[in-house]
Structures are given as structure tokens and as C-alpha cells.
ModelCIF file with pLDDT and N, C-alpha, C, O atoms, coordinates in Angstrom:
data_MODEL
#
_entry.id   MODEL 
#
_entity.id                         1 
_entity.type                       polymer 
_entity.pdbx_number_of_molecules   1 
#
_entity_poly.entity_id                      1 
_entity_poly.type                           'polypeptide(L)' 
_entity_poly.nstd_linkage                   no 
_entity_poly.nstd_monomer                   no 
_entity_poly.pdbx_seq_one_letter_code       QLAHKLSKKLSDVRKEDNNLDWLLPDGKSQATILYDKYKPIKVDN 
_entity_poly.pdbx_seq_one_letter_code_can   QLAHKLSKKLSDVRKEDNNLDWLLPDGKSQATILYDKYKPIKVDN 
_entity_poly.pdbx_strand_id                 A 
#
loop_
_entity_poly_seq.entity_id 
_entity_poly_seq.num 
_entity_poly_seq.mon_id 
_entity_poly_seq.hetero 
1 1  GLN n 
1 2  LEU n 
1 3  ALA n 
1 4  HIS n 
1 5  LYS n 
1 6  LEU n 
1 7  SER n 
1 8  LYS n 
1 9  LYS n 
1 10 LEU n 
1 11 SER n 
1 12 ASP n 
1 13 VAL n 
1 14 ARG n 
1 15 LYS n 
1 16 GLU n 
1 17 ASP n 
1 18 ASN n 
1 19 ASN n 
1 20 LEU n 
1 21 ASP n 
1 22 TRP n 
1 23 LEU n 
1 24 LEU n 
1 25 PRO n 
1 26 ASP n 
1 27 GLY n 
1 28 LYS n 
1 29 SER n 
1 30 GLN n 
1 31 ALA n 
1 32 THR n 
1 33 ILE n 
1 34 LEU n 
1 35 TYR n 
1 36 ASP n 
1 37 LYS n 
1 38 TYR n 
1 39 LYS n 
1 40 PRO n 
1 41 ILE n 
1 42 LYS n 
1 43 VAL n 
1 44 ASP n 
1 45 ASN n 
#
_struct_asym.id          A 
_struct_asym.entity_id   1 
#
loop_
_ma_qa_metric.id 
_ma_qa_metric.mode 
_ma_qa_metric.name 
_ma_qa_metric.software_group_id 
_ma_qa_metric.type 
1 global pLDDT . pLDDT 
2 local  pLDDT . pLDDT 
#
_ma_qa_metric_global.metric_id      1 
_ma_qa_metric_global.metric_value   96.82 
_ma_qa_metric_global.model_id       1 
_ma_qa_metric_global.ordinal_id     1 
#
loop_
_ma_qa_metric_local.label_asym_id 
_ma_qa_metric_local.label_comp_id 
_ma_qa_metric_local.label_seq_id 
_ma_qa_metric_local.metric_id 
_ma_qa_metric_local.metric_value 
_ma_qa_metric_local.model_id 
_ma_qa_metric_local.ordinal_id 
A GLN 1  2 98.00 1 1  
A LEU 2  2 98.00 1 2  
A ALA 3  2 98.00 1 3  
A HIS 4  2 98.00 1 4  
A LYS 5  2 98.00 1 5  
A LEU 6  2 98.00 1 6  
A SER 7  2 98.00 1 7  
A LYS 8  2 98.00 1 8  
A LYS 9  2 98.00 1 9  
A LEU 10 2 98.00 1 10 
A SER 11 2 98.00 1 11 
A ASP 12 2 98.00 1 12 
A VAL 13 2 98.00 1 13 
A ARG 14 2 97.00 1 14 
A LYS 15 2 96.00 1 15 
A GLU 16 2 96.00 1 16 
A ASP 17 2 93.00 1 17 
A ASN 18 2 93.00 1 18 
A ASN 19 2 93.00 1 19 
A LEU 20 2 96.00 1 20 
A ASP 21 2 93.00 1 21 
A TRP 22 2 96.00 1 22 
A LEU 23 2 97.00 1 23 
A LEU 24 2 98.00 1 24 
A PRO 25 2 98.00 1 25 
A ASP 26 2 98.00 1 26 
A GLY 27 2 98.00 1 27 
A LYS 28 2 98.00 1 28 
A SER 29 2 98.00 1 29 
A GLN 30 2 98.00 1 30 
A ALA 31 2 98.00 1 31 
A THR 32 2 98.00 1 32 
A ILE 33 2 98.00 1 33 
A LEU 34 2 98.00 1 34 
A TYR 35 2 97.00 1 35 
A ASP 36 2 95.00 1 36 
A LYS 37 2 92.00 1 37 
A TYR 38 2 93.00 1 38 
A LYS 39 2 95.00 1 39 
A PRO 40 2 96.00 1 40 
A ILE 41 2 96.00 1 41 
A LYS 42 2 97.00 1 42 
A VAL 43 2 98.00 1 43 
A ASP 44 2 98.00 1 44 
A ASN 45 2 98.00 1 45 
#
loop_
_atom_site.group_PDB 
_atom_site.id 
_atom_site.type_symbol 
_atom_site.label_atom_id 
_atom_site.label_alt_id 
_atom_site.label_comp_id 
_atom_site.label_asym_id 
_atom_site.label_entity_id 
_atom_site.label_seq_id 
_atom_site.pdbx_PDB_ins_code 
_atom_site.Cartn_x 
_atom_site.Cartn_y 
_atom_site.Cartn_z 
_atom_site.occupancy 
_atom_site.B_iso_or_equiv 
_atom_site.pdbx_formal_charge 
_atom_site.auth_seq_id 
_atom_site.auth_comp_id 
_atom_site.auth_asym_id 
_atom_site.auth_atom_id 
_atom_site.pdbx_PDB_model_num 
ATOM 1   N N  . GLN A 1 1  ? 103.456 111.222 84.101 1.00 98.00 ? 1  GLN A N  1 
ATOM 2   C CA . GLN A 1 1  ? 104.655 110.829 84.118 1.00 98.00 ? 1  GLN A CA 1 
ATOM 3   C C  . GLN A 1 1  ? 104.922 110.109 85.328 1.00 98.00 ? 1  GLN A C  1 
ATOM 4   O O  . GLN A 1 1  ? 105.728 109.180 85.283 1.00 98.00 ? 1  GLN A O  1 
ATOM 5   N N  . LEU A 1 2  ? 104.293 110.446 86.524 1.00 98.00 ? 2  LEU A N  1 
ATOM 6   C CA . LEU A 1 2  ? 104.611 109.895 87.626 1.00 98.00 ? 2  LEU A CA 1 
ATOM 7   C C  . LEU A 1 2  ? 104.141 108.327 87.688 1.00 98.00 ? 2  LEU A C  1 
ATOM 8   O O  . LEU A 1 2  ? 104.795 107.382 88.128 1.00 98.00 ? 2  LEU A O  1 
ATOM 9   N N  . ALA A 1 3  ? 102.993 108.314 87.195 1.00 98.00 ? 3  ALA A N  1 
ATOM 10  C CA . ALA A 1 3  ? 102.312 106.942 86.951 1.00 98.00 ? 3  ALA A CA 1 
ATOM 11  C C  . ALA A 1 3  ? 102.957 105.965 86.195 1.00 98.00 ? 3  ALA A C  1 
ATOM 12  O O  . ALA A 1 3  ? 102.955 104.750 86.391 1.00 98.00 ? 3  ALA A O  1 
ATOM 13  N N  . HIS A 1 4  ? 103.603 106.709 85.164 1.00 98.00 ? 4  HIS A N  1 
ATOM 14  C CA . HIS A 1 4  ? 104.559 105.912 84.085 1.00 98.00 ? 4  HIS A CA 1 
ATOM 15  C C  . HIS A 1 4  ? 105.620 105.449 84.952 1.00 98.00 ? 4  HIS A C  1 
ATOM 16  O O  . HIS A 1 4  ? 105.723 104.229 85.080 1.00 98.00 ? 4  HIS A O  1 
ATOM 17  N N  . LYS A 1 5  ? 106.469 106.236 85.603 1.00 98.00 ? 5  LYS A N  1 
ATOM 18  C CA . LYS A 1 5  ? 107.814 105.958 86.494 1.00 98.00 ? 5  LYS A CA 1 
ATOM 19  C C  . LYS A 1 5  ? 107.198 104.832 87.458 1.00 98.00 ? 5  LYS A C  1 
ATOM 20  O O  . LYS A 1 5  ? 107.840 103.782 87.502 1.00 98.00 ? 5  LYS A O  1 
ATOM 21  N N  . LEU A 1 6  ? 106.252 104.902 88.089 1.00 98.00 ? 6  LEU A N  1 
ATOM 22  C CA . LEU A 1 6  ? 106.053 103.861 89.049 1.00 98.00 ? 6  LEU A CA 1 
ATOM 23  C C  . LEU A 1 6  ? 105.669 102.325 88.416 1.00 98.00 ? 6  LEU A C  1 
ATOM 24  O O  . LEU A 1 6  ? 105.976 101.279 88.987 1.00 98.00 ? 6  LEU A O  1 
ATOM 25  N N  . SER A 1 7  ? 104.935 102.402 87.119 1.00 98.00 ? 7  SER A N  1 
ATOM 26  C CA . SER A 1 7  ? 104.846 101.058 86.628 1.00 98.00 ? 7  SER A CA 1 
ATOM 27  C C  . SER A 1 7  ? 105.985 100.681 85.997 1.00 98.00 ? 7  SER A C  1 
ATOM 28  O O  . SER A 1 7  ? 106.227 99.475  85.965 1.00 98.00 ? 7  SER A O  1 
ATOM 29  N N  . LYS A 1 8  ? 106.851 101.552 85.412 1.00 98.00 ? 8  LYS A N  1 
ATOM 30  C CA . LYS A 1 8  ? 108.291 100.982 84.998 1.00 98.00 ? 8  LYS A CA 1 
ATOM 31  C C  . LYS A 1 8  ? 109.028 100.424 85.949 1.00 98.00 ? 8  LYS A C  1 
ATOM 32  O O  . LYS A 1 8  ? 109.513 99.314  85.732 1.00 98.00 ? 8  LYS A O  1 
ATOM 33  N N  . LYS A 1 9  ? 109.270 101.128 87.268 1.00 98.00 ? 9  LYS A N  1 
ATOM 34  C CA . LYS A 1 9  ? 110.008 101.059 88.239 1.00 98.00 ? 9  LYS A CA 1 
ATOM 35  C C  . LYS A 1 9  ? 109.147 99.655  88.836 1.00 98.00 ? 9  LYS A C  1 
ATOM 36  O O  . LYS A 1 9  ? 109.861 99.027  89.618 1.00 98.00 ? 9  LYS A O  1 
ATOM 37  N N  . LEU A 1 10 ? 107.942 99.109  88.660 1.00 98.00 ? 10 LEU A N  1 
ATOM 38  C CA . LEU A 1 10 ? 107.491 97.993  89.394 1.00 98.00 ? 10 LEU A CA 1 
ATOM 39  C C  . LEU A 1 10 ? 108.051 96.874  88.263 1.00 98.00 ? 10 LEU A C  1 
ATOM 40  O O  . LEU A 1 10 ? 108.354 95.793  88.766 1.00 98.00 ? 10 LEU A O  1 
ATOM 41  N N  . SER A 1 11 ? 108.220 96.977  86.900 1.00 98.00 ? 11 SER A N  1 
ATOM 42  C CA . SER A 1 11 ? 108.727 96.049  86.182 1.00 98.00 ? 11 SER A CA 1 
ATOM 43  C C  . SER A 1 11 ? 110.294 95.695  86.276 1.00 98.00 ? 11 SER A C  1 
ATOM 44  O O  . SER A 1 11 ? 110.763 94.558  86.222 1.00 98.00 ? 11 SER A O  1 
ATOM 45  N N  . ASP A 1 12 ? 111.043 96.953  86.434 1.00 98.00 ? 12 ASP A N  1 
ATOM 46  C CA . ASP A 1 12 ? 112.206 96.846  86.675 1.00 98.00 ? 12 ASP A CA 1 
ATOM 47  C C  . ASP A 1 12 ? 112.857 96.090  87.863 1.00 98.00 ? 12 ASP A C  1 
ATOM 48  O O  . ASP A 1 12 ? 113.937 95.516  87.726 1.00 98.00 ? 12 ASP A O  1 
ATOM 49  N N  . VAL A 1 13 ? 112.148 96.104  89.070 1.00 98.00 ? 13 VAL A N  1 
ATOM 50  C CA . VAL A 1 13 ? 112.614 95.236  90.279 1.00 98.00 ? 13 VAL A CA 1 
ATOM 51  C C  . VAL A 1 13 ? 111.952 93.869  90.047 1.00 98.00 ? 13 VAL A C  1 
ATOM 52  O O  . VAL A 1 13 ? 112.398 92.896  90.655 1.00 98.00 ? 13 VAL A O  1 
ATOM 53  N N  . ARG A 1 14 ? 111.016 93.748  89.285 1.00 97.00 ? 14 ARG A N  1 
ATOM 54  C CA . ARG A 1 14 ? 110.679 92.232  89.099 1.00 97.00 ? 14 ARG A CA 1 
ATOM 55  C C  . ARG A 1 14 ? 111.703 91.602  88.519 1.00 97.00 ? 14 ARG A C  1 
ATOM 56  O O  . ARG A 1 14 ? 112.137 90.542  88.971 1.00 97.00 ? 14 ARG A O  1 
ATOM 57  N N  . LYS A 1 15 ? 112.203 92.199  87.441 1.00 96.00 ? 15 LYS A N  1 
ATOM 58  C CA . LYS A 1 15 ? 113.270 91.633  86.537 1.00 96.00 ? 15 LYS A CA 1 
ATOM 59  C C  . LYS A 1 15 ? 114.693 91.921  87.165 1.00 96.00 ? 15 LYS A C  1 
ATOM 60  O O  . LYS A 1 15 ? 115.622 91.449  86.511 1.00 96.00 ? 15 LYS A O  1 
ATOM 61  N N  . GLU A 1 16 ? 115.022 92.587  88.278 1.00 96.00 ? 16 GLU A N  1 
ATOM 62  C CA . GLU A 1 16 ? 116.281 92.894  88.533 1.00 96.00 ? 16 GLU A CA 1 
ATOM 63  C C  . GLU A 1 16 ? 116.610 92.387  89.856 1.00 96.00 ? 16 GLU A C  1 
ATOM 64  O O  . GLU A 1 16 ? 117.734 91.912  90.019 1.00 96.00 ? 16 GLU A O  1 
ATOM 65  N N  . ASP A 1 17 ? 115.756 92.424  90.859 1.00 93.00 ? 17 ASP A N  1 
ATOM 66  C CA . ASP A 1 17 ? 115.698 92.328  92.543 1.00 93.00 ? 17 ASP A CA 1 
ATOM 67  C C  . ASP A 1 17 ? 115.414 91.045  92.612 1.00 93.00 ? 17 ASP A C  1 
ATOM 68  O O  . ASP A 1 17 ? 114.263 90.750  92.290 1.00 93.00 ? 17 ASP A O  1 
ATOM 69  N N  . ASN A 1 18 ? 116.341 89.925  93.037 1.00 93.00 ? 18 ASN A N  1 
ATOM 70  C CA . ASN A 1 18 ? 116.192 88.758  93.343 1.00 93.00 ? 18 ASN A CA 1 
ATOM 71  C C  . ASN A 1 18 ? 115.305 88.467  94.471 1.00 93.00 ? 18 ASN A C  1 
ATOM 72  O O  . ASN A 1 18 ? 114.761 87.370  94.596 1.00 93.00 ? 18 ASN A O  1 
ATOM 73  N N  . ASN A 1 19 ? 115.159 89.384  95.251 1.00 93.00 ? 19 ASN A N  1 
ATOM 74  C CA . ASN A 1 19 ? 114.486 89.471  96.599 1.00 93.00 ? 19 ASN A CA 1 
ATOM 75  C C  . ASN A 1 19 ? 112.781 89.549  96.359 1.00 93.00 ? 19 ASN A C  1 
ATOM 76  O O  . ASN A 1 19 ? 111.857 89.354  97.148 1.00 93.00 ? 19 ASN A O  1 
ATOM 77  N N  . LEU A 1 20 ? 112.796 89.881  95.083 1.00 96.00 ? 20 LEU A N  1 
ATOM 78  C CA . LEU A 1 20 ? 111.281 90.334  94.599 1.00 96.00 ? 20 LEU A CA 1 
ATOM 79  C C  . LEU A 1 20 ? 111.046 89.439  93.503 1.00 96.00 ? 20 LEU A C  1 
ATOM 80  O O  . LEU A 1 20 ? 110.437 89.745  92.478 1.00 96.00 ? 20 LEU A O  1 
ATOM 81  N N  . ASP A 1 21 ? 111.557 88.310  93.759 1.00 93.00 ? 21 ASP A N  1 
ATOM 82  C CA . ASP A 1 21 ? 111.259 87.340  92.534 1.00 93.00 ? 21 ASP A CA 1 
ATOM 83  C C  . ASP A 1 21 ? 109.907 86.510  92.429 1.00 93.00 ? 21 ASP A C  1 
ATOM 84  O O  . ASP A 1 21 ? 109.571 85.678  91.587 1.00 93.00 ? 21 ASP A O  1 
ATOM 85  N N  . TRP A 1 22 ? 109.228 87.001  93.559 1.00 96.00 ? 22 TRP A N  1 
ATOM 86  C CA . TRP A 1 22 ? 107.752 86.644  93.639 1.00 96.00 ? 22 TRP A CA 1 
ATOM 87  C C  . TRP A 1 22 ? 106.870 87.470  92.674 1.00 96.00 ? 22 TRP A C  1 
ATOM 88  O O  . TRP A 1 22 ? 105.800 87.019  92.265 1.00 96.00 ? 22 TRP A O  1 
ATOM 89  N N  . LEU A 1 23 ? 107.311 88.622  92.337 1.00 97.00 ? 23 LEU A N  1 
ATOM 90  C CA . LEU A 1 23 ? 106.568 89.430  91.430 1.00 97.00 ? 23 LEU A CA 1 
ATOM 91  C C  . LEU A 1 23 ? 106.140 88.862  90.225 1.00 97.00 ? 23 LEU A C  1 
ATOM 92  O O  . LEU A 1 23 ? 106.940 88.100  89.682 1.00 97.00 ? 23 LEU A O  1 
ATOM 93  N N  . LEU A 1 24 ? 104.954 89.076  89.629 1.00 98.00 ? 24 LEU A N  1 
ATOM 94  C CA . LEU A 1 24 ? 104.571 88.696  88.240 1.00 98.00 ? 24 LEU A CA 1 
ATOM 95  C C  . LEU A 1 24 ? 104.314 89.907  87.167 1.00 98.00 ? 24 LEU A C  1 
ATOM 96  O O  . LEU A 1 24 ? 104.208 91.061  87.583 1.00 98.00 ? 24 LEU A O  1 
ATOM 97  N N  . PRO A 1 25 ? 104.249 89.699  86.213 1.00 98.00 ? 25 PRO A N  1 
ATOM 98  C CA . PRO A 1 25 ? 104.204 90.874  84.961 1.00 98.00 ? 25 PRO A CA 1 
ATOM 99  C C  . PRO A 1 25 ? 103.217 91.845  85.138 1.00 98.00 ? 25 PRO A C  1 
ATOM 100 O O  . PRO A 1 25 ? 103.512 93.038  85.064 1.00 98.00 ? 25 PRO A O  1 
ATOM 101 N N  . ASP A 1 26 ? 102.089 91.472  85.362 1.00 98.00 ? 26 ASP A N  1 
ATOM 102 C CA . ASP A 1 26 ? 100.764 92.225  85.269 1.00 98.00 ? 26 ASP A CA 1 
ATOM 103 C C  . ASP A 1 26 ? 100.884 93.448  86.456 1.00 98.00 ? 26 ASP A C  1 
ATOM 104 O O  . ASP A 1 26 ? 101.329 93.221  87.581 1.00 98.00 ? 26 ASP A O  1 
ATOM 105 N N  . GLY A 1 27 ? 100.471 94.598  86.063 1.00 98.00 ? 27 GLY A N  1 
ATOM 106 C CA . GLY A 1 27 ? 100.508 95.662  87.129 1.00 98.00 ? 27 GLY A CA 1 
ATOM 107 C C  . GLY A 1 27 ? 99.879  96.853  86.560 1.00 98.00 ? 27 GLY A C  1 
ATOM 108 O O  . GLY A 1 27 ? 99.680  97.144  85.381 1.00 98.00 ? 27 GLY A O  1 
ATOM 109 N N  . LYS A 1 28 ? 99.579  97.543  87.744 1.00 98.00 ? 28 LYS A N  1 
ATOM 110 C CA . LYS A 1 28 ? 99.076  98.794  87.374 1.00 98.00 ? 28 LYS A CA 1 
ATOM 111 C C  . LYS A 1 28 ? 99.279  100.041 88.415 1.00 98.00 ? 28 LYS A C  1 
ATOM 112 O O  . LYS A 1 28 ? 99.229  99.674  89.589 1.00 98.00 ? 28 LYS A O  1 
ATOM 113 N N  . SER A 1 29 ? 99.457  101.187 88.256 1.00 98.00 ? 29 SER A N  1 
ATOM 114 C CA . SER A 1 29 ? 99.648  102.485 89.080 1.00 98.00 ? 29 SER A CA 1 
ATOM 115 C C  . SER A 1 29 ? 98.619  103.437 88.662 1.00 98.00 ? 29 SER A C  1 
ATOM 116 O O  . SER A 1 29 ? 97.880  103.404 87.678 1.00 98.00 ? 29 SER A O  1 
ATOM 117 N N  . GLN A 1 30 ? 98.731  104.391 89.717 1.00 98.00 ? 30 GLN A N  1 
ATOM 118 C CA . GLN A 1 30 ? 97.789  105.444 89.682 1.00 98.00 ? 30 GLN A CA 1 
ATOM 119 C C  . GLN A 1 30 ? 98.353  106.739 90.565 1.00 98.00 ? 30 GLN A C  1 
ATOM 120 O O  . GLN A 1 30 ? 98.831  106.457 91.664 1.00 98.00 ? 30 GLN A O  1 
ATOM 121 N N  . ALA A 1 31 ? 98.336  107.872 90.240 1.00 98.00 ? 31 ALA A N  1 
ATOM 122 C CA . ALA A 1 31 ? 98.942  108.972 91.118 1.00 98.00 ? 31 ALA A CA 1 
ATOM 123 C C  . ALA A 1 31 ? 97.935  109.955 90.735 1.00 98.00 ? 31 ALA A C  1 
ATOM 124 O O  . ALA A 1 31 ? 97.538  110.225 89.602 1.00 98.00 ? 31 ALA A O  1 
ATOM 125 N N  . THR A 1 32 ? 97.472  110.607 92.220 1.00 98.00 ? 32 THR A N  1 
ATOM 126 C CA . THR A 1 32 ? 96.725  111.658 92.140 1.00 98.00 ? 32 THR A CA 1 
ATOM 127 C C  . THR A 1 32 ? 97.623  112.822 92.821 1.00 98.00 ? 32 THR A C  1 
ATOM 128 O O  . THR A 1 32 ? 98.328  112.801 93.830 1.00 98.00 ? 32 THR A O  1 
ATOM 129 N N  . ILE A 1 33 ? 97.284  113.998 91.747 1.00 98.00 ? 33 ILE A N  1 
ATOM 130 C CA . ILE A 1 33 ? 98.130  115.253 92.217 1.00 98.00 ? 33 ILE A CA 1 
ATOM 131 C C  . ILE A 1 33 ? 97.060  116.423 92.619 1.00 98.00 ? 33 ILE A C  1 
ATOM 132 O O  . ILE A 1 33 ? 95.982  116.648 92.068 1.00 98.00 ? 33 ILE A O  1 
ATOM 133 N N  . LEU A 1 34 ? 97.647  117.106 93.725 1.00 98.00 ? 34 LEU A N  1 
ATOM 134 C CA . LEU A 1 34 ? 96.725  118.117 94.107 1.00 98.00 ? 34 LEU A CA 1 
ATOM 135 C C  . LEU A 1 34 ? 97.548  119.411 93.690 1.00 98.00 ? 34 LEU A C  1 
ATOM 136 O O  . LEU A 1 34 ? 98.708  119.740 93.940 1.00 98.00 ? 34 LEU A O  1 
ATOM 137 N N  . TYR A 1 35 ? 96.315  120.163 92.807 1.00 97.00 ? 35 TYR A N  1 
ATOM 138 C CA . TYR A 1 35 ? 96.902  121.411 91.888 1.00 97.00 ? 35 TYR A CA 1 
ATOM 139 C C  . TYR A 1 35 ? 96.391  122.575 92.633 1.00 97.00 ? 35 TYR A C  1 
ATOM 140 O O  . TYR A 1 35 ? 95.492  122.501 93.471 1.00 97.00 ? 35 TYR A O  1 
ATOM 141 N N  . ASP A 1 36 ? 96.972  123.594 92.310 1.00 95.00 ? 36 ASP A N  1 
ATOM 142 C CA . ASP A 1 36 ? 96.668  125.061 92.620 1.00 95.00 ? 36 ASP A CA 1 
ATOM 143 C C  . ASP A 1 36 ? 96.317  125.606 91.177 1.00 95.00 ? 36 ASP A C  1 
ATOM 144 O O  . ASP A 1 36 ? 97.348  126.077 90.697 1.00 95.00 ? 36 ASP A O  1 
ATOM 145 N N  . LYS A 1 37 ? 95.434  125.701 90.453 1.00 92.00 ? 37 LYS A N  1 
ATOM 146 C CA . LYS A 1 37 ? 94.844  126.009 89.286 1.00 92.00 ? 37 LYS A CA 1 
ATOM 147 C C  . LYS A 1 37 ? 95.880  125.119 88.597 1.00 92.00 ? 37 LYS A C  1 
ATOM 148 O O  . LYS A 1 37 ? 95.761  123.907 88.776 1.00 92.00 ? 37 LYS A O  1 
ATOM 149 N N  . TYR A 1 38 ? 96.918  125.582 87.804 1.00 93.00 ? 38 TYR A N  1 
ATOM 150 C CA . TYR A 1 38 ? 97.811  124.623 86.595 1.00 93.00 ? 38 TYR A CA 1 
ATOM 151 C C  . TYR A 1 38 ? 99.052  124.228 87.555 1.00 93.00 ? 38 TYR A C  1 
ATOM 152 O O  . TYR A 1 38 ? 99.875  123.461 87.055 1.00 93.00 ? 38 TYR A O  1 
ATOM 153 N N  . LYS A 1 39 ? 99.271  124.658 88.845 1.00 95.00 ? 39 LYS A N  1 
ATOM 154 C CA . LYS A 1 39 ? 100.518 124.466 89.558 1.00 95.00 ? 39 LYS A CA 1 
ATOM 155 C C  . LYS A 1 39 ? 100.391 123.215 90.563 1.00 95.00 ? 39 LYS A C  1 
ATOM 156 O O  . LYS A 1 39 ? 99.542  123.249 91.453 1.00 95.00 ? 39 LYS A O  1 
ATOM 157 N N  . PRO A 1 40 ? 101.271 122.082 90.402 1.00 96.00 ? 40 PRO A N  1 
ATOM 158 C CA . PRO A 1 40 ? 101.307 120.793 90.977 1.00 96.00 ? 40 PRO A CA 1 
ATOM 159 C C  . PRO A 1 40 ? 101.813 121.270 92.355 1.00 96.00 ? 40 PRO A C  1 
ATOM 160 O O  . PRO A 1 40 ? 102.818 121.975 92.439 1.00 96.00 ? 40 PRO A O  1 
ATOM 161 N N  . ILE A 1 41 ? 101.054 120.847 93.513 1.00 96.00 ? 41 ILE A N  1 
ATOM 162 C CA . ILE A 1 41 ? 101.413 121.355 94.931 1.00 96.00 ? 41 ILE A CA 1 
ATOM 163 C C  . ILE A 1 41 ? 101.752 120.135 95.675 1.00 96.00 ? 41 ILE A C  1 
ATOM 164 O O  . ILE A 1 41 ? 102.538 120.394 96.586 1.00 96.00 ? 41 ILE A O  1 
ATOM 165 N N  . LYS A 1 42 ? 101.408 118.808 95.596 1.00 97.00 ? 42 LYS A N  1 
ATOM 166 C CA . LYS A 1 42 ? 101.848 117.775 96.178 1.00 97.00 ? 42 LYS A CA 1 
ATOM 167 C C  . LYS A 1 42 ? 101.184 116.658 95.575 1.00 97.00 ? 42 LYS A C  1 
ATOM 168 O O  . LYS A 1 42 ? 100.237 116.801 94.802 1.00 97.00 ? 42 LYS A O  1 
ATOM 169 N N  . VAL A 1 43 ? 101.729 115.391 95.957 1.00 98.00 ? 43 VAL A N  1 
ATOM 170 C CA . VAL A 1 43 ? 101.289 114.163 95.553 1.00 98.00 ? 43 VAL A CA 1 
ATOM 171 C C  . VAL A 1 43 ? 100.063 113.556 96.490 1.00 98.00 ? 43 VAL A C  1 
ATOM 172 O O  . VAL A 1 43 ? 100.523 112.913 97.434 1.00 98.00 ? 43 VAL A O  1 
ATOM 173 N N  . ASP A 1 44 ? 98.857  113.595 96.467 1.00 98.00 ? 44 ASP A N  1 
ATOM 174 C CA . ASP A 1 44 ? 98.004  113.256 97.325 1.00 98.00 ? 44 ASP A CA 1 
ATOM 175 C C  . ASP A 1 44 ? 97.823  111.974 97.469 1.00 98.00 ? 44 ASP A C  1 
ATOM 176 O O  . ASP A 1 44 ? 97.636  111.645 98.640 1.00 98.00 ? 44 ASP A O  1 
ATOM 177 N N  . ASN A 1 45 ? 97.808  110.981 96.566 1.00 98.00 ? 45 ASN A N  1 
ATOM 178 C CA . ASN A 1 45 ? 97.836  109.499 96.837 1.00 98.00 ? 45 ASN A CA 1 
ATOM 179 C C  . ASN A 1 45 ? 98.460  108.708 95.619 1.00 98.00 ? 45 ASN A C  1 
ATOM 180 O O  . ASN A 1 45 ? 98.562  107.482 95.666 1.00 98.00 ? 45 ASN A O  1 
#
């Protein structure tokens, strides 16, 4: 869910923010979460 939100935000700012009009369509995101068993504790990177 976090990775999708990052990728979608990247596309949104490309289309909507004139100060970021140097962005192009291709992109990727990756989210690493620290868990304690099944509980998310924090975003590691």
C-alpha cells in the first residue's frame, strides 16, 4: 500500500506541479517495513 501511494504520488506531481515538469512517466518505488511478528513497527527505508 505504501509503495503504491509513492508511485501514484510520483505520477500525480509530474502531471500537476509545474515546478516538476522535468519529470517523465517511468518510475518505481520500494518500501521496506520493520515488523515485530505481524505488527508493522516503522518504515525502515
